[in-house]
């Protein structure tokens, strides 16, 4: 199953304006990176958000959210959100939550070593 391209376009519009943002296809979906760190993405019909350990339980309690597990191994600090729960307001909230966490991570050098 291909990823939801409409959702990916919506994420890209919110995310791509940021400095040091990039897009990468991965795992049959698309991911959006900030400073080289994976931040938010789309896989199948799900929004994937990296919220970090401090916001994890609260994020899981939100409508449509569940643990990120596409391989049989849960990835703590990441949540999957069913597309039906990702209206424009929710998408902005999830995107800002993920960006807030990822901005605090150390910047990864790009492939040229910068």
C-alpha atoms as a PDB file:
ATOM      1  CA  UNK A   1       0.000   0.000   0.000  1.00  0.00           C
ATOM      2  CA  UNK A   2       1.324   3.419  -0.942  1.00  0.00           C
ATOM      3  CA  UNK A   3       1.324   6.270   1.548  1.00  0.00           C
ATOM      4  CA  UNK A   4      -1.399   8.906   1.609  1.00  0.00           C
ATOM      5  CA  UNK A   5      -0.042  11.543  -0.756  1.00  0.00           C
ATOM      6  CA  UNK A   6      -2.707  14.108   0.167  1.00  0.00           C
ATOM      7  CA  UNK A   7      -1.675  13.923   3.827  1.00  0.00           C
ATOM      8  CA  UNK A   8       1.990  14.125   2.810  1.00  0.00           C
ATOM      9  CA  UNK A   9       1.337  17.333   0.831  1.00  0.00           C
ATOM     10  CA  UNK A  10      -0.442  18.850   3.828  1.00  0.00           C
ATOM     11  CA  UNK A  11       2.478  17.984   6.114  1.00  0.00           C
ATOM     12  CA  UNK A  12       4.983  19.315   3.607  1.00  0.00           C
ATOM     13  CA  UNK A  13       3.182  22.670   3.385  1.00  0.00           C
ATOM     14  CA  UNK A  14       3.470  23.111   7.155  1.00  0.00           C
ATOM     15  CA  UNK A  15       6.943  21.702   7.522  1.00  0.00           C
ATOM     16  CA  UNK A  16       8.920  22.738   4.447  1.00  0.00           C
ATOM     17  CA  UNK A  17       8.988  26.436   5.342  1.00  0.00           C
ATOM     18  CA  UNK A  18      11.329  25.713   8.221  1.00  0.00           C
ATOM     19  CA  UNK A  19      15.053  26.264   7.937  1.00  0.00           C
ATOM     20  CA  UNK A  20      17.057  23.036   7.826  1.00  0.00           C
ATOM     21  CA  UNK A  21      13.996  20.976   6.835  1.00  0.00           C
ATOM     22  CA  UNK A  22      14.251  18.140   4.341  1.00  0.00           C
ATOM     23  CA  UNK A  23      12.103  15.377   2.928  1.00  0.00           C
ATOM     24  CA  UNK A  24      13.086  11.747   2.495  1.00  0.00           C
ATOM     25  CA  UNK A  25      11.226   8.722   1.203  1.00  0.00           C
ATOM     26  CA  UNK A  26      11.612   5.789   3.582  1.00  0.00           C
ATOM     27  CA  UNK A  27       9.881   2.591   4.669  1.00  0.00           C
ATOM     28  CA  UNK A  28       7.223   2.921   1.985  1.00  0.00           C
ATOM     29  CA  UNK A  29       6.315   6.400   3.175  1.00  0.00           C
ATOM     30  CA  UNK A  30       7.754   9.870   3.411  1.00  0.00           C
ATOM     31  CA  UNK A  31       9.560  11.474   6.316  1.00  0.00           C
ATOM     32  CA  UNK A  32      10.294  15.083   7.105  1.00  0.00           C
ATOM     33  CA  UNK A  33      13.549  15.804   8.875  1.00  0.00           C
ATOM     34  CA  UNK A  34      14.662  18.824  10.845  1.00  0.00           C
ATOM     35  CA  UNK A  35      18.390  19.397  11.290  1.00  0.00           C
ATOM     36  CA  UNK A  36      18.902  15.856   9.994  1.00  0.00           C
ATOM     37  CA  UNK A  37      16.630  14.282  12.623  1.00  0.00           C
ATOM     38  CA  UNK A  38      13.436  12.491  11.669  1.00  0.00           C
ATOM     39  CA  UNK A  39      10.510  14.572  12.912  1.00  0.00           C
ATOM     40  CA  UNK A  40       7.191  13.727  11.277  1.00  0.00           C
ATOM     41  CA  UNK A  41       6.019  11.668   8.353  1.00  0.00           C
ATOM     42  CA  UNK A  42       3.330   9.726   6.572  1.00  0.00           C
ATOM     43  CA  UNK A  43       3.122   5.949   6.369  1.00  0.00           C
ATOM     44  CA  UNK A  44       0.156   4.346   4.626  1.00  0.00           C
ATOM     45  CA  UNK A  45      -2.874   6.204   6.055  1.00  0.00           C
ATOM     46  CA  UNK A  46      -1.100   7.375   9.203  1.00  0.00           C
ATOM     47  CA  UNK A  47       0.620  10.507  10.338  1.00  0.00           C
ATOM     48  CA  UNK A  48       3.771   9.538  12.236  1.00  0.00           C
ATOM     49  CA  UNK A  49       4.956  12.052  14.856  1.00  0.00           C
ATOM     50  CA  UNK A  50       8.094  12.014  16.978  1.00  0.00           C
ATOM     51  CA  UNK A  51       6.930  13.489  20.260  1.00  0.00           C
ATOM     52  CA  UNK A  52       9.655  12.315  22.645  1.00  0.00           C
ATOM     53  CA  UNK A  53       9.453  10.586  26.012  1.00  0.00           C
ATOM     54  CA  UNK A  54       8.009  13.485  28.020  1.00  0.00           C
ATOM     55  CA  UNK A  55       4.964  13.970  25.752  1.00  0.00           C
ATOM     56  CA  UNK A  56       4.502  10.308  24.813  1.00  0.00           C
ATOM     57  CA  UNK A  57       1.698   9.311  27.208  1.00  0.00           C
ATOM     58  CA  UNK A  58      -0.252  12.526  26.627  1.00  0.00           C
ATOM     59  CA  UNK A  59       0.110  12.097  22.868  1.00  0.00           C
ATOM     60  CA  UNK A  60      -1.196   8.517  23.042  1.00  0.00           C
ATOM     61  CA  UNK A  61      -4.286   9.779  24.874  1.00  0.00           C
ATOM     62  CA  UNK A  62      -5.243  12.049  21.954  1.00  0.00           C
ATOM     63  CA  UNK A  63      -7.958  10.961  19.491  1.00  0.00           C
ATOM     64  CA  UNK A  64      -6.738   8.585  16.784  1.00  0.00           C
ATOM     65  CA  UNK A  65      -3.260   8.133  18.272  1.00  0.00           C
ATOM     66  CA  UNK A  66      -1.590   4.829  18.999  1.00  0.00           C
ATOM     67  CA  UNK A  67       1.861   3.400  19.557  1.00  0.00           C
ATOM     68  CA  UNK A  68       4.163   3.470  16.552  1.00  0.00           C
ATOM     69  CA  UNK A  69       4.675  -0.149  15.641  1.00  0.00           C
ATOM     70  CA  UNK A  70       5.060  -1.139  12.003  1.00  0.00           C
ATOM     71  CA  UNK A  71       7.614  -3.911  12.508  1.00  0.00           C
ATOM     72  CA  UNK A  72       6.400  -5.690  15.636  1.00  0.00           C
ATOM     73  CA  UNK A  73       8.607  -3.504  17.815  1.00  0.00           C
ATOM     74  CA  UNK A  74       7.120  -0.396  19.439  1.00  0.00           C
ATOM     75  CA  UNK A  75       9.166   2.775  19.032  1.00  0.00           C
ATOM     76  CA  UNK A  76       8.713   4.771  22.256  1.00  0.00           C
ATOM     77  CA  UNK A  77       8.428   8.510  21.775  1.00  0.00           C
ATOM     78  CA  UNK A  78       6.732   8.062  18.387  1.00  0.00           C
ATOM     79  CA  UNK A  79       3.000   7.878  17.699  1.00  0.00           C
ATOM     80  CA  UNK A  80       0.844   6.936  14.734  1.00  0.00           C
ATOM     81  CA  UNK A  81      -2.295   8.989  14.142  1.00  0.00           C
ATOM     82  CA  UNK A  82      -5.118   7.680  11.972  1.00  0.00           C
ATOM     83  CA  UNK A  83      -5.740   9.995   9.030  1.00  0.00           C
ATOM     84  CA  UNK A  84      -9.401  10.457   9.987  1.00  0.00           C
ATOM     85  CA  UNK A  85      -8.250  12.332  13.106  1.00  0.00           C
ATOM     86  CA  UNK A  86      -5.870  14.676  11.278  1.00  0.00           C
ATOM     87  CA  UNK A  87      -7.893  17.750  10.379  1.00  0.00           C
ATOM     88  CA  UNK A  88      -6.001  20.999   9.737  1.00  0.00           C
ATOM     89  CA  UNK A  89      -5.934  22.042  13.410  1.00  0.00           C
ATOM     90  CA  UNK A  90      -4.783  18.622  14.590  1.00  0.00           C
ATOM     91  CA  UNK A  91      -2.111  18.497  11.871  1.00  0.00           C
ATOM     92  CA  UNK A  92      -0.715  21.853  13.021  1.00  0.00           C
ATOM     93  CA  UNK A  93      -0.701  20.653  16.640  1.00  0.00           C
ATOM     94  CA  UNK A  94       1.022  17.345  15.831  1.00  0.00           C
ATOM     95  CA  UNK A  95       3.559  19.105  13.613  1.00  0.00           C
ATOM     96  CA  UNK A  96       4.399  21.708  16.253  1.00  0.00           C
ATOM     97  CA  UNK A  97       4.653  19.052  18.957  1.00  0.00           C
ATOM     98  CA  UNK A  98       7.098  17.025  16.857  1.00  0.00           C
ATOM     99  CA  UNK A  99       9.112  20.091  15.847  1.00  0.00           C
ATOM    100  CA  UNK A 100       9.378  21.254  19.461  1.00  0.00           C
ATOM    101  CA  UNK A 101      10.869  17.904  20.474  1.00  0.00           C
ATOM    102  CA  UNK A 102      13.207  17.518  17.494  1.00  0.00           C
ATOM    103  CA  UNK A 103      14.504  21.106  17.709  1.00  0.00           C
ATOM    104  CA  UNK A 104      15.992  20.199  21.093  1.00  0.00           C
ATOM    105  CA  UNK A 105      17.999  17.286  19.637  1.00  0.00           C
ATOM    106  CA  UNK A 106      21.588  17.706  18.482  1.00  0.00           C
ATOM    107  CA  UNK A 107      21.889  18.642  14.822  1.00  0.00           C
ATOM    108  CA  UNK A 108      23.137  15.816  12.608  1.00  0.00           C
ATOM    109  CA  UNK A 109      25.771  16.686  10.034  1.00  0.00           C
ATOM    110  CA  UNK A 110      24.714  16.445   6.417  1.00  0.00           C
ATOM    111  CA  UNK A 111      26.374  13.908   4.164  1.00  0.00           C
ATOM    112  CA  UNK A 112      29.038  16.396   3.174  1.00  0.00           C
ATOM    113  CA  UNK A 113      30.154  16.537   6.821  1.00  0.00           C
ATOM    114  CA  UNK A 114      28.829  20.037   7.578  1.00  0.00           C
END
